C-alpha atoms as a PDB file:
ATOM      1  CA  MET A   1     106.790  72.252  98.876  1.00  0.00           C
ATOM      2  CA  THR A   2     104.292  74.972 100.474  1.00  0.00           C
ATOM      3  CA  TYR A   3     103.147  77.423  98.129  1.00  0.00           C
ATOM      4  CA  ALA A   4     104.719  80.901  98.306  1.00  0.00           C
ATOM      5  CA  PRO A   5     103.190  83.848  95.525  1.00  0.00           C
ATOM      6  CA  PRO A   6     105.843  85.022  93.658  1.00  0.00           C
ATOM      7  CA  PHE A   7     107.057  88.706  94.424  1.00  0.00           C
ATOM      8  CA  THR A   8     110.319  90.915  95.340  1.00  0.00           C
ATOM      9  CA  LEU A   9     110.596  92.109  98.554  1.00  0.00           C
ATOM     10  CA  THR A  10     111.534  96.033  97.506  1.00  0.00           C
ATOM     11  CA  GLN A  11     113.227  99.228  99.435  1.00  0.00           C
ATOM     12  CA  PRO A  12     110.326 100.956  98.296  1.00  0.00           C
ATOM     13  CA  MET A  13     107.569  98.477 100.232  1.00  0.00           C
ATOM     14  CA  VAL A  14     109.943  98.560 103.233  1.00  0.00           C
ATOM     15  CA  ASP A  15     109.546 102.509 103.249  1.00  0.00           C
ATOM     16  CA  LEU A  16     105.615 102.627 102.560  1.00  0.00           C
ATOM     17  CA  THR A  17     104.771 100.157 104.996  1.00  0.00           C
ATOM     18  CA  PHE A  18     106.991 102.346 107.777  1.00  0.00           C
ATOM     19  CA  ARG A  19     105.351 105.201 106.911  1.00  0.00           C
ATOM     20  CA  ILE A  20     101.637 103.480 106.666  1.00  0.00           C
ATOM     21  CA  GLY A  21     102.492 102.194 110.114  1.00  0.00           C
ATOM     22  CA  GLU A  22     103.447 105.193 111.760  1.00  0.00           C
ATOM     23  CA  LEU A  23     100.246 107.131 110.221  1.00  0.00           C
ATOM     24  CA  VAL A  24      97.888 104.292 111.725  1.00  0.00           C
ATOM     25  CA  SER A  25      99.387 104.450 115.088  1.00  0.00           C
ATOM     26  CA  ARG A  26      98.707 108.316 114.691  1.00  0.00           C
ATOM     27  CA  MET A  27      95.113 107.921 113.754  1.00  0.00           C
ATOM     28  CA  GLU A  28      94.474 104.901 116.236  1.00  0.00           C
ATOM     29  CA  GLY A  29      95.334 107.671 118.940  1.00  0.00           C
ATOM     30  CA  TYR A  30      92.310 110.044 117.583  1.00  0.00           C
ATOM     31  CA  GLU A  31      89.787 107.313 118.356  1.00  0.00           C
ATOM     32  CA  ALA A  32      88.172 109.752 116.093  1.00  0.00           C
ATOM     33  CA  LEU A  33      86.454 106.738 113.703  1.00  0.00           C
ATOM     34  CA  ASP A  34      84.312 105.303 116.762  1.00  0.00           C
ATOM     35  CA  PRO A  35      82.314 107.875 117.819  1.00  0.00           C
ATOM     36  CA  SER A  36      81.604 109.419 114.410  1.00  0.00           C
ATOM     37  CA  PRO A  37      79.173 107.579 112.314  1.00  0.00           C
ATOM     38  CA  ARG A  38      78.831 110.657 109.938  1.00  0.00           C
ATOM     39  CA  LEU A  39      82.685 110.116 108.932  1.00  0.00           C
ATOM     40  CA  ARG A  40      82.364 106.266 109.139  1.00  0.00           C
ATOM     41  CA  LYS A  41      79.212 106.567 106.963  1.00  0.00           C
ATOM     42  CA  ARG A  42      80.384 108.782 104.080  1.00  0.00           C
ATOM     43  CA  ASN A  43      83.822 106.731 104.214  1.00  0.00           C
ATOM     44  CA  ARG A  44      81.517 103.506 103.346  1.00  0.00           C
ATOM     45  CA  ILE A  45      79.578 105.091 100.627  1.00  0.00           C
ATOM     46  CA  ARG A  46      83.040 106.568  98.548  1.00  0.00           C
ATOM     47  CA  SER A  47      84.310 102.561  99.110  1.00  0.00           C
ATOM     48  CA  ILE A  48      81.116 101.298  97.563  1.00  0.00           C
ATOM     49  CA  HIS A  49      80.453 103.962  94.945  1.00  0.00           C
ATOM     50  CA  SER A  50      84.294 103.773  93.959  1.00  0.00           C
ATOM     51  CA  SER A  51      84.376  99.527  93.859  1.00  0.00           C
ATOM     52  CA  CYS A  52      81.330  99.862  91.545  1.00  0.00           C
ATOM     53  CA  ALA A  53      82.531 102.862  89.691  1.00  0.00           C
ATOM     54  CA  ILE A  54      85.636 101.155  88.704  1.00  0.00           C
ATOM     55  CA  GLU A  55      83.488  97.781  87.106  1.00  0.00           C
ATOM     56  CA  ALA A  56      81.835 100.650  84.883  1.00  0.00           C
ATOM     57  CA  ASN A  57      78.933 101.259  87.475  1.00  0.00           C
ATOM     58  CA  SER A  58      77.544 104.753  86.138  1.00  0.00           C
ATOM     59  CA  LEU A  59      75.937 105.602  89.138  1.00  0.00           C
ATOM     60  CA  THR A  60      76.711 108.878  90.868  1.00  0.00           C
ATOM     61  CA  LEU A  61      78.133 109.301  94.612  1.00  0.00           C
ATOM     62  CA  GLU A  62      74.722 111.305  94.827  1.00  0.00           C
ATOM     63  CA  GLN A  63      72.808 108.176  93.623  1.00  0.00           C
ATOM     64  CA  VAL A  64      74.907 105.258  95.917  1.00  0.00           C
ATOM     65  CA  SER A  65      74.336 107.959  98.781  1.00  0.00           C
ATOM     66  CA  ASP A  66      70.546 107.979  98.279  1.00  0.00           C
ATOM     67  CA  ILE A  67      70.166 104.224  97.660  1.00  0.00           C
ATOM     68  CA  ILE A  68      71.918 103.730 101.180  1.00  0.00           C
ATOM     69  CA  ASN A  69      69.802 106.287 102.860  1.00  0.00           C
ATOM     70  CA  GLY A  70      66.950 104.507 101.178  1.00  0.00           C
ATOM     71  CA  HIS A  71      65.930 107.029  98.631  1.00  0.00           C
ATOM     72  CA  ARG A  72      64.071 106.214  95.166  1.00  0.00           C
ATOM     73  CA  VAL A  73      66.759 106.468  92.726  1.00  0.00           C
ATOM     74  CA  ILE A  74      66.201 106.174  88.785  1.00  0.00           C
ATOM     75  CA  GLY A  75      69.043 104.257  87.162  1.00  0.00           C
ATOM     76  CA  PRO A  76      69.934 101.093  85.163  1.00  0.00           C
ATOM     77  CA  GLU A  77      67.953  98.249  87.736  1.00  0.00           C
ATOM     78  CA  VAL A  78      71.105  96.102  87.339  1.00  0.00           C
ATOM     79  CA  GLU A  79      73.592  99.401  88.650  1.00  0.00           C
ATOM     80  CA  ILE A  80      70.945 100.046  91.567  1.00  0.00           C
ATOM     81  CA  LYS A  81      71.661  96.196  92.295  1.00  0.00           C
ATOM     82  CA  GLU A  82      75.284  96.049  92.317  1.00  0.00           C
ATOM     83  CA  VAL A  83      75.130  98.921  94.731  1.00  0.00           C
ATOM     84  CA  LYS A  84      72.529  97.211  96.669  1.00  0.00           C
ATOM     85  CA  ASN A  85      74.752  94.076  97.168  1.00  0.00           C
ATOM     86  CA  ALA A  86      77.734  95.807  97.871  1.00  0.00           C
ATOM     87  CA  VAL A  87      75.855  97.621 100.670  1.00  0.00           C
ATOM     88  CA  ALA A  88      75.117  94.297 102.122  1.00  0.00           C
ATOM     89  CA  ALA A  89      78.597  92.950 101.662  1.00  0.00           C
ATOM     90  CA  TYR A  90      80.356  95.899 102.841  1.00  0.00           C
ATOM     91  CA  SER A  91      78.169  95.593 105.843  1.00  0.00           C
ATOM     92  CA  LEU A  92      79.931  92.651 107.070  1.00  0.00           C
ATOM     93  CA  LEU A  93      82.944  93.571 107.207  1.00  0.00           C
ATOM     94  CA  GLY A  94      84.821  92.384 110.613  1.00  0.00           C
ATOM     95  CA  SER A  95      81.713  89.833 110.767  1.00  0.00           C
ATOM     96  CA  PHE A  96      83.667  87.460 108.914  1.00  0.00           C
ATOM     97  CA  ASP A  97      87.226  85.801 108.852  1.00  0.00           C
ATOM     98  CA  PRO A  98      89.003  86.755 105.745  1.00  0.00           C
ATOM     99  CA  TYR A  99      91.275  83.730 106.122  1.00  0.00           C
ATOM    100  CA  ASP A 100      88.381  81.158 105.264  1.00  0.00           C
ATOM    101  CA  MET A 101      88.008  80.409 101.893  1.00  0.00           C
ATOM    102  CA  ASP A 102      84.129  79.418 102.589  1.00  0.00           C
ATOM    103  CA  GLU A 103      83.854  82.767 103.578  1.00  0.00           C
ATOM    104  CA  LEU A 104      85.251  84.621 100.255  1.00  0.00           C
ATOM    105  CA  LEU A 105      82.457  81.846  98.487  1.00  0.00           C
ATOM    106  CA  ARG A 106      79.729  83.514 100.867  1.00  0.00           C
ATOM    107  CA  LEU A 107      80.483  86.571 100.216  1.00  0.00           C
ATOM    108  CA  HIS A 108      80.870  86.243  96.865  1.00  0.00           C
ATOM    109  CA  GLY A 109      76.935  84.629  97.534  1.00  0.00           C
ATOM    110  CA  VAL A 110      76.045  88.149  98.522  1.00  0.00           C
ATOM    111  CA  LEU A 111      77.695  90.534  96.200  1.00  0.00           C
ATOM    112  CA  MET A 112      76.653  88.604  93.111  1.00  0.00           C
ATOM    113  CA  GLU A 113      72.856  87.552  94.093  1.00  0.00           C
ATOM    114  CA  GLY A 114      70.546  88.080  91.262  1.00  0.00           C
ATOM    115  CA  LEU A 115      73.334  89.260  89.347  1.00  0.00           C
ATOM    116  CA  ALA A 116      75.466  86.119  88.407  1.00  0.00           C
ATOM    117  CA  ASP A 117      73.854  82.543  87.824  1.00  0.00           C
ATOM    118  CA  ASP A 118      76.710  81.042  89.728  1.00  0.00           C
ATOM    119  CA  ALA A 119      77.040  83.395  92.518  1.00  0.00           C
ATOM    120  CA  GLY A 120      78.959  82.216  95.363  1.00  0.00           C
ATOM    121  CA  LYS A 121      80.782  79.172  93.337  1.00  0.00           C
ATOM    122  CA  PHE A 122      83.960  79.445  91.496  1.00  0.00           C
ATOM    123  CA  ARG A 123      84.007  79.575  87.634  1.00  0.00           C
ATOM    124  CA  THR A 124      83.471  76.298  85.434  1.00  0.00           C
ATOM    125  CA  GLY A 125      84.805  78.186  82.358  1.00  0.00           C
ATOM    126  CA  GLY A 126      87.951  79.800  80.845  1.00  0.00           C
ATOM    127  CA  GLU A 127      88.386  83.492  81.533  1.00  0.00           C
ATOM    128  CA  GLY A 128      90.649  85.918  79.264  1.00  0.00           C
ATOM    129  CA  VAL A 129      91.427  89.483  79.309  1.00  0.00           C
ATOM    130  CA  PHE A 130      91.369  91.061  75.870  1.00  0.00           C
ATOM    131  CA  ARG A 131      92.624  94.468  74.268  1.00  0.00           C
ATOM    132  CA  GLY A 132      90.518  94.844  71.548  1.00  0.00           C
ATOM    133  CA  ARG A 133      90.764  91.276  70.015  1.00  0.00           C
ATOM    134  CA  ASP A 134      94.198  90.236  71.252  1.00  0.00           C
ATOM    135  CA  LEU A 135      94.053  87.780  74.137  1.00  0.00           C
ATOM    136  CA  ILE A 136      96.520  89.556  76.464  1.00  0.00           C
ATOM    137  CA  PHE A 137      95.977  87.341  79.354  1.00  0.00           C
ATOM    138  CA  MET A 138      94.709  83.801  80.161  1.00  0.00           C
ATOM    139  CA  ALA A 139      93.694  82.654  83.792  1.00  0.00           C
ATOM    140  CA  PRO A 140      94.436  79.559  84.796  1.00  0.00           C
ATOM    141  CA  PRO A 141      91.634  76.989  83.600  1.00  0.00           C
ATOM    142  CA  PRO A 142      89.055  76.593  85.711  1.00  0.00           C
ATOM    143  CA  GLU A 143      89.483  73.128  87.132  1.00  0.00           C
ATOM    144  CA  LEU A 144      92.947  74.759  88.754  1.00  0.00           C
ATOM    145  CA  VAL A 145      91.004  77.281  90.398  1.00  0.00           C
ATOM    146  CA  PRO A 146      90.070  75.307  93.554  1.00  0.00           C
ATOM    147  CA  GLU A 147      93.625  74.435  94.297  1.00  0.00           C
ATOM    148  CA  HIS A 148      95.285  77.783  93.184  1.00  0.00           C
ATOM    149  CA  MET A 149      92.871  79.229  95.954  1.00  0.00           C
ATOM    150  CA  ARG A 150      93.374  76.766  98.914  1.00  0.00           C
ATOM    151  CA  ASN A 151      97.206  77.292  98.253  1.00  0.00           C
ATOM    152  CA  LEU A 152      96.600  80.897  98.166  1.00  0.00           C
ATOM    153  CA  PHE A 153      94.245  80.721 101.412  1.00  0.00           C
ATOM    154  CA  ASP A 154      97.168  78.154 103.043  1.00  0.00           C
ATOM    155  CA  TRP A 155      99.759  80.930 102.407  1.00  0.00           C
ATOM    156  CA  LEU A 156      97.597  83.649 103.988  1.00  0.00           C
ATOM    157  CA  SER A 157      96.840  81.855 107.273  1.00  0.00           C
ATOM    158  CA  SER A 158     100.394  80.537 107.538  1.00  0.00           C
ATOM    159  CA  GLY A 159     102.860  81.094 104.953  1.00  0.00           C
ATOM    160  CA  SER A 160     102.664  85.126 105.703  1.00  0.00           C
ATOM    161  CA  ALA A 161     102.990  84.902 109.571  1.00  0.00           C
ATOM    162  CA  SER A 162     106.553  86.534 108.657  1.00  0.00           C
ATOM    163  CA  ILE A 163     105.463  89.023 106.027  1.00  0.00           C
ATOM    164  CA  ASN A 164     104.147  92.410 107.194  1.00  0.00           C
ATOM    165  CA  PRO A 165      99.950  92.332 106.970  1.00  0.00           C
ATOM    166  CA  LEU A 166      99.856  94.872 104.583  1.00  0.00           C
ATOM    167  CA  ILE A 167     102.244  94.048 102.251  1.00  0.00           C
ATOM    168  CA  ALA A 168     100.654  90.037 102.429  1.00  0.00           C
ATOM    169  CA  SER A 169      96.846  92.124 101.664  1.00  0.00           C
ATOM    170  CA  CYS A 170      98.578  93.514  98.473  1.00  0.00           C
ATOM    171  CA  VAL A 171      99.656  90.060  97.283  1.00  0.00           C
ATOM    172  CA  PHE A 172      96.380  88.245  98.131  1.00  0.00           C
ATOM    173  CA  HIS A 173      95.037  90.971  96.168  1.00  0.00           C
ATOM    174  CA  TYR A 174      96.813  90.568  92.937  1.00  0.00           C
ATOM    175  CA  GLU A 175      96.586  86.942  93.255  1.00  0.00           C
ATOM    176  CA  MET A 176      92.924  86.676  93.334  1.00  0.00           C
ATOM    177  CA  VAL A 177      92.978  89.194  90.192  1.00  0.00           C
ATOM    178  CA  PHE A 178      95.525  86.492  88.445  1.00  0.00           C
ATOM    179  CA  VAL A 179      93.492  83.434  89.503  1.00  0.00           C
ATOM    180  CA  HIS A 180      90.225  85.455  88.211  1.00  0.00           C
ATOM    181  CA  PRO A 181      88.358  82.261  90.316  1.00  0.00           C
ATOM    182  CA  PHE A 182      84.917  83.593  89.518  1.00  0.00           C
ATOM    183  CA  SER A 183      82.780  84.446  86.169  1.00  0.00           C
ATOM    184  CA  ASN A 184      82.144  87.879  87.509  1.00  0.00           C
ATOM    185  CA  GLY A 185      82.607  90.377  90.474  1.00  0.00           C
ATOM    186  CA  ASN A 186      86.208  89.297  90.900  1.00  0.00           C
ATOM    187  CA  GLY A 187      87.379  92.781  91.190  1.00  0.00           C
ATOM    188  CA  ARG A 188      85.204  94.237  93.678  1.00  0.00           C
ATOM    189  CA  MET A 189      85.862  90.703  95.431  1.00  0.00           C
ATOM    190  CA  ALA A 190      89.792  91.496  95.326  1.00  0.00           C
ATOM    191  CA  ARG A 191      89.313  95.101  96.460  1.00  0.00           C
ATOM    192  CA  LEU A 192      86.356  94.159  99.381  1.00  0.00           C
ATOM    193  CA  TRP A 193      88.811  91.032 100.685  1.00  0.00           C
ATOM    194  CA  GLN A 194      92.084  93.372 100.971  1.00  0.00           C
ATOM    195  CA  THR A 195      89.873  95.842 103.002  1.00  0.00           C
ATOM    196  CA  ALA A 196      88.933  92.752 105.263  1.00  0.00           C
ATOM    197  CA  ILE A 197      92.385  91.720 105.677  1.00  0.00           C
ATOM    198  CA  LEU A 198      93.629  94.765 106.508  1.00  0.00           C
ATOM    199  CA  GLY A 199      90.544  95.278 108.804  1.00  0.00           C
ATOM    200  CA  ARG A 200      91.691  92.226 110.601  1.00  0.00           C
ATOM    201  CA  TRP A 201      94.917  93.451 111.129  1.00  0.00           C
ATOM    202  CA  LYS A 202      93.655  96.788 112.333  1.00  0.00           C
ATOM    203  CA  GLY A 203      90.067  97.653 112.800  1.00  0.00           C
ATOM    204  CA  VAL A 204      90.636 101.607 111.504  1.00  0.00           C
ATOM    205  CA  PHE A 205      90.569 100.024 107.395  1.00  0.00           C
ATOM    206  CA  HIS A 206      87.377  98.872 108.195  1.00  0.00           C
ATOM    207  CA  TRP A 207      86.588 102.554 107.594  1.00  0.00           C
ATOM    208  CA  ILE A 208      89.500 103.835 105.356  1.00  0.00           C
ATOM    209  CA  PRO A 209      87.880 104.174 101.378  1.00  0.00           C
ATOM    210  CA  LEU A 210      90.649 102.663  99.638  1.00  0.00           C
ATOM    211  CA  GLU A 211      88.731 101.811  96.670  1.00  0.00           C
ATOM    212  CA  ASN A 212      88.291 105.971  96.463  1.00  0.00           C
ATOM    213  CA  ARG A 213      91.733 106.080  95.796  1.00  0.00           C
ATOM    214  CA  ILE A 214      92.268 102.888  93.412  1.00  0.00           C
ATOM    215  CA  GLU A 215      89.295 104.484  91.351  1.00  0.00           C
ATOM    216  CA  LYS A 216      91.481 107.983  90.740  1.00  0.00           C
ATOM    217  CA  ALA A 217      94.165 105.879  89.858  1.00  0.00           C
ATOM    218  CA  GLN A 218      92.681 103.491  88.181  1.00  0.00           C
ATOM    219  CA  GLN A 219      94.548 103.248  84.661  1.00  0.00           C
ATOM    220  CA  GLU A 220      97.857 102.695  87.042  1.00  0.00           C
ATOM    221  CA  TYR A 221      96.247 100.075  88.951  1.00  0.00           C
ATOM    222  CA  TYR A 222      95.626  98.311  85.275  1.00  0.00           C
ATOM    223  CA  ASP A 223      98.773  98.894  84.041  1.00  0.00           C
ATOM    224  CA  ALA A 224     100.320  97.497  87.582  1.00  0.00           C
ATOM    225  CA  ILE A 225      98.184  94.082  86.808  1.00  0.00           C
ATOM    226  CA  ASP A 226      99.254  93.732  83.711  1.00  0.00           C
ATOM    227  CA  ALA A 227     103.251  94.522  84.281  1.00  0.00           C
ATOM    228  CA  CYS A 228     102.816  91.871  86.901  1.00  0.00           C
ATOM    229  CA  ASN A 229     101.042  89.217  84.833  1.00  0.00           C
ATOM    230  CA  ARG A 230     104.246  89.474  82.143  1.00  0.00           C
ATOM    231  CA  ALA A 231     106.789  89.603  84.984  1.00  0.00           C
ATOM    232  CA  GLY A 232     105.557  86.483  87.151  1.00  0.00           C
ATOM    233  CA  ASP A 233     106.371  88.971  89.927  1.00  0.00           C
ATOM    234  CA  SER A 234     103.285  91.096  91.738  1.00  0.00           C
ATOM    235  CA  ALA A 235     106.152  93.395  93.261  1.00  0.00           C
ATOM    236  CA  ARG A 236     104.755  96.571  91.083  1.00  0.00           C
ATOM    237  CA  PHE A 237     101.521  95.727  92.011  1.00  0.00           C
ATOM    238  CA  VAL A 238     102.621  95.618  95.844  1.00  0.00           C
ATOM    239  CA  GLU A 239     104.123  99.061  95.493  1.00  0.00           C
ATOM    240  CA  PHE A 240     101.419 100.627  93.787  1.00  0.00           C
ATOM    241  CA  MET A 241      98.357  99.617  96.294  1.00  0.00           C
ATOM    242  CA  LEU A 242     101.061 100.775  99.199  1.00  0.00           C
ATOM    243  CA  ARG A 243     101.050 104.166  97.717  1.00  0.00           C
ATOM    244  CA  MET A 244      97.291 103.921  97.325  1.00  0.00           C
ATOM    245  CA  ILE A 245      96.897 102.772 101.091  1.00  0.00           C
ATOM    246  CA  LEU A 246      99.159 105.640 102.313  1.00  0.00           C
ATOM    247  CA  SER A 247      96.798 108.157 100.306  1.00  0.00           C
ATOM    248  CA  ALA A 248      93.852 106.776 101.143  1.00  0.00           C
ATOM    249  CA  LEU A 249      94.997 106.895 105.215  1.00  0.00           C
ATOM    250  CA  GLU A 250      96.218 110.472 104.796  1.00  0.00           C
ATOM    251  CA  ASP A 251      92.521 111.895 103.172  1.00  0.00           C
ATOM    252  CA  ALA A 252      91.085 109.943 106.391  1.00  0.00           C
ATOM    253  CA  ASP A 253      93.576 111.523 108.649  1.00  0.00           C
ATOM    254  CA  TYR A 254      92.892 115.109 107.450  1.00  0.00           C
ATOM    255  CA  GLU A 255      89.534 114.330 107.710  1.00  0.00           C
ATOM    256  CA  ILE A 256      89.597 112.906 111.442  1.00  0.00           C
ATOM    257  CA  ARG A 257      91.502 116.090 112.631  1.00  0.00           C
ATOM    258  CA  ASN A 258      89.173 118.743 110.805  1.00  0.00           C
ATOM    259  CA  GLU A 259      85.408 116.798 111.729  1.00  0.00           C
ATOM    260  CA  PRO A 260      84.046 118.835 114.210  1.00  0.00           C
ATOM    261  CA  ARG A 261      83.412 117.506 117.811  1.00  0.00           C
ATOM    262  CA  GLY A 262      80.642 116.551 119.939  1.00  0.00           C
ATOM    263  CA  GLY A 263      80.814 119.981 121.859  1.00  0.00           C
ATOM    264  CA  ASP A 264      80.567 122.097 118.670  1.00  0.00           C
ATOM    265  CA  LYS A 265      77.195 123.706 118.075  1.00  0.00           C
ATOM    266  CA  LEU A 266      77.120 122.785 114.220  1.00  0.00           C
ATOM    267  CA  ASP A 267      78.256 119.167 114.756  1.00  0.00           C
ATOM    268  CA  ARG A 268      74.965 119.043 116.668  1.00  0.00           C
ATOM    269  CA  LEU A 269      72.679 120.490 113.470  1.00  0.00           C
ATOM    270  CA  LEU A 270      74.450 117.892 111.424  1.00  0.00           C
ATOM    271  CA  ASP A 271      73.599 115.288 113.538  1.00  0.00           C
ATOM    272  CA  LYS A 272      69.910 116.204 113.308  1.00  0.00           C
ATOM    273  CA  MET A 273      70.176 117.044 109.619  1.00  0.00           C
ATOM    274  CA  GLU A 274      68.720 113.754 107.866  1.00  0.00           C
ATOM    275  CA  SER A 275      71.075 113.121 104.594  1.00  0.00           C
ATOM    276  CA  GLY A 276      69.715 114.100 100.993  1.00  0.00           C
ATOM    277  CA  VAL A 277      67.103 116.440 102.336  1.00  0.00           C
ATOM    278  CA  TYR A 278      66.524 119.918 102.056  1.00  0.00           C
ATOM    279  CA  TYR A 279      65.700 122.196 105.009  1.00  0.00           C
ATOM    280  CA  SER A 280      64.292 125.699 105.103  1.00  0.00           C
ATOM    281  CA  ARG A 281      66.140 128.162 107.547  1.00  0.00           C
ATOM    282  CA  PRO A 282      62.514 128.320 109.820  1.00  0.00           C
ATOM    283  CA  GLU A 283      63.137 124.479 110.039  1.00  0.00           C
ATOM    284  CA  LEU A 284      66.718 124.375 110.793  1.00  0.00           C
ATOM    285  CA  MET A 285      65.784 127.077 113.436  1.00  0.00           C
ATOM    286  CA  GLU A 286      63.084 124.949 115.018  1.00  0.00           C
ATOM    287  CA  MET A 287      65.221 122.240 115.019  1.00  0.00           C
ATOM    288  CA  MET A 288      67.867 123.991 117.177  1.00  0.00           C
ATOM    289  CA  SER A 289      65.391 125.729 119.221  1.00  0.00           C
ATOM    290  CA  ALA A 290      66.763 129.131 118.056  1.00  0.00           C
ATOM    291  CA  LYS A 291      65.077 132.138 117.865  1.00  0.00           C
ATOM    292  CA  SER A 292      67.579 134.822 116.501  1.00  0.00           C
ATOM    293  CA  GLN A 293      68.068 134.576 113.111  1.00  0.00           C
ATOM    294  CA  PRO A 294      71.552 136.395 113.076  1.00  0.00           C
ATOM    295  CA  SER A 295      72.532 134.447 115.891  1.00  0.00           C
ATOM    296  CA  PHE A 296      71.646 131.095 114.388  1.00  0.00           C
ATOM    297  CA  HIS A 297      73.621 132.229 111.472  1.00  0.00           C
ATOM    298  CA  ARG A 298      76.304 132.772 113.256  1.00  0.00           C
ATOM    299  CA  ASP A 299      76.740 129.607 115.129  1.00  0.00           C
ATOM    300  CA  TYR A 300      75.228 127.170 112.702  1.00  0.00           C
ATOM    301  CA  LEU A 301      74.561 128.112 109.021  1.00  0.00           C
ATOM    302  CA  GLY A 302      77.298 130.424 108.183  1.00  0.00           C
ATOM    303  CA  PRO A 303      80.084 128.197 109.562  1.00  0.00           C
ATOM    304  CA  GLY A 304      78.466 125.274 107.875  1.00  0.00           C
ATOM    305  CA  LEU A 305      78.227 127.326 104.345  1.00  0.00           C
ATOM    306  CA  GLU A 306      81.965 127.887 104.942  1.00  0.00           C
ATOM    307  CA  ARG A 307      83.180 124.668 106.212  1.00  0.00           C
ATOM    308  CA  GLY A 308      81.306 122.967 103.094  1.00  0.00           C
ATOM    309  CA  VAL A 309      79.393 120.653 105.165  1.00  0.00           C
ATOM    310  CA  ILE A 310      75.809 122.657 104.663  1.00  0.00           C
ATOM    311  CA  HIS A 311      75.208 123.353 101.182  1.00  0.00           C
ATOM    312  CA  MET A 312      72.179 125.667  99.220  1.00  0.00           C
ATOM    313  CA  GLU A 313      69.594 124.773  96.980  1.00  0.00           C
ATOM    314  CA  TYR A 314      70.109 128.102  94.749  1.00  0.00           C
ATOM    315  CA  PRO A 315      73.645 128.771  95.299  1.00  0.00           C
ATOM    316  CA  GLN A 316      73.298 131.349  92.445  1.00  0.00           C
ATOM    317  CA  THR A 317      70.910 133.307  94.419  1.00  0.00           C
ATOM    318  CA  PRO A 318      72.050 132.729  98.211  1.00  0.00           C
ATOM    319  CA  ARG A 319      68.947 135.347  99.503  1.00  0.00           C
ATOM    320  CA  SER A 320      66.134 133.657  97.553  1.00  0.00           C
ATOM    321  CA  ARG A 321      62.793 133.298  99.782  1.00  0.00           C
ATOM    322  CA  ARG A 322      62.683 129.449  98.497  1.00  0.00           C
ATOM    323  CA  GLN A 323      66.213 129.032  99.690  1.00  0.00           C
ATOM    324  CA  ARG A 324      66.770 125.283 101.305  1.00  0.00           C
ATOM    325  CA  TYR A 325      69.712 123.994 102.664  1.00  0.00           C
ATOM    326  CA  ARG A 326      71.195 120.387 102.529  1.00  0.00           C
ATOM    327  CA  ARG A 327      73.703 118.674 104.541  1.00  0.00           C
ATOM    328  CA  SER A 328      76.875 117.338 102.667  1.00  0.00           C
ATOM    329  CA  ASP A 329      78.771 114.293 103.885  1.00  0.00           C
ATOM    330  CA  PHE A 330      81.578 115.026 101.346  1.00  0.00           C
ATOM    331  CA  ARG A 331      84.040 117.725 101.889  1.00  0.00           C
ATOM    332  CA  PRO A 332      87.305 118.802  99.706  1.00  0.00           C
ATOM    333  CA  ILE A 333      90.484 117.246 100.845  1.00  0.00           C
ATOM    334  CA  PRO A 334      93.602 119.498 100.323  1.00  0.00           C
ATOM    335  CA  ASP A 335      96.861 117.838  99.584  1.00  0.00           C
ATOM    336  CA  SER A 336     100.410 118.840 101.094  1.00  0.00           C
ATOM    337  CA  ARG A 337      99.990 121.953  98.965  1.00  0.00           C
ATOM    338  CA  GLY A 338      96.640 122.969 100.098  1.00  0.00           C
ATOM    339  CA  THR A 339      95.191 122.110  96.773  1.00  0.00           C
ATOM    340  CA  PRO A 340      91.782 120.299  97.115  1.00  0.00           C
ATOM    341  CA  ARG A 341      92.075 116.830  95.704  1.00  0.00           C
ATOM    342  CA  THR A 342      88.345 115.760  95.387  1.00  0.00           C
ATOM    343  CA  MET A 343      85.119 117.987  94.768  1.00  0.00           C
ATOM    344  CA  ALA A 344      82.916 118.590  97.557  1.00  0.00           C
ATOM    345  CA  VAL A 345      79.436 116.653  96.647  1.00  0.00           C
ATOM    346  CA  ALA A 346      76.548 117.449  98.425  1.00  0.00           C
ATOM    347  CA  ILE A 347      74.157 114.485  99.427  1.00  0.00           C
END
């Protein structure tokens, strides 16, 4: 018999996939992610930071950005290594086949290099999830892992052809967490692989920080997995993940529509400012060959501060002679009521 992961198709799944499909089509029409390297970069930073943070990595968004930009970061060596490995793995999105199990092993080797002795290999020991001293979930025994994963990839390659790829990617994510094929890095690999599957369907997903939405609903993420483990059906997890995908797309849609376009004066200034570096006003004016301070403030600095894409080093004393300015790669994203959902972080 052909293996098929157990899940029940529900009306919320159908409704969510329809709404996601509409939003993806609209975003593809913008053609904004390709020509906007800043937007791509800050979304990639969010993805890497959030996926590591879910696994208790304590590095801040600013520190992750500094690592990606080649700046020196002081922090736990193992956590810096986790981020560097994640950067290497995410940089490969779009260049490998997410329907190939050998590629899963190869990418696990990249993600866990120097962090696990068995990086790039399936586990050989038992794995369980504990709450205190109580065992709440026992993963399949290690000798069954290769067969479980082959069945899952066979289903993904052929058996899922009649299933919407949004739903198939969510089912794969849950099943991989359930099988727990690796001794370490299972959650990070499951999230990376869902992004890879979605990106194979629609390239825009390579730049959507789905992990950021999961991090903000981390307890619900674990609760959904636990409920599905007990029910023997991944429907609740699929519904949860579809909501996260929709939220992540809404965030990206807002940013795309509010991203400065190439002809904007402020956009040209931001392109010249290196991420993580503070500049004095004279240095910024020299970059833009500006002669008049009032004109420079009106055309560049004022709009940048107002939009939240430029930050002061000393915001409490804005007229300080020592004042310098730094580009911000992250801005608040309002929800439907106009209330910010994420705080801006200057990097």
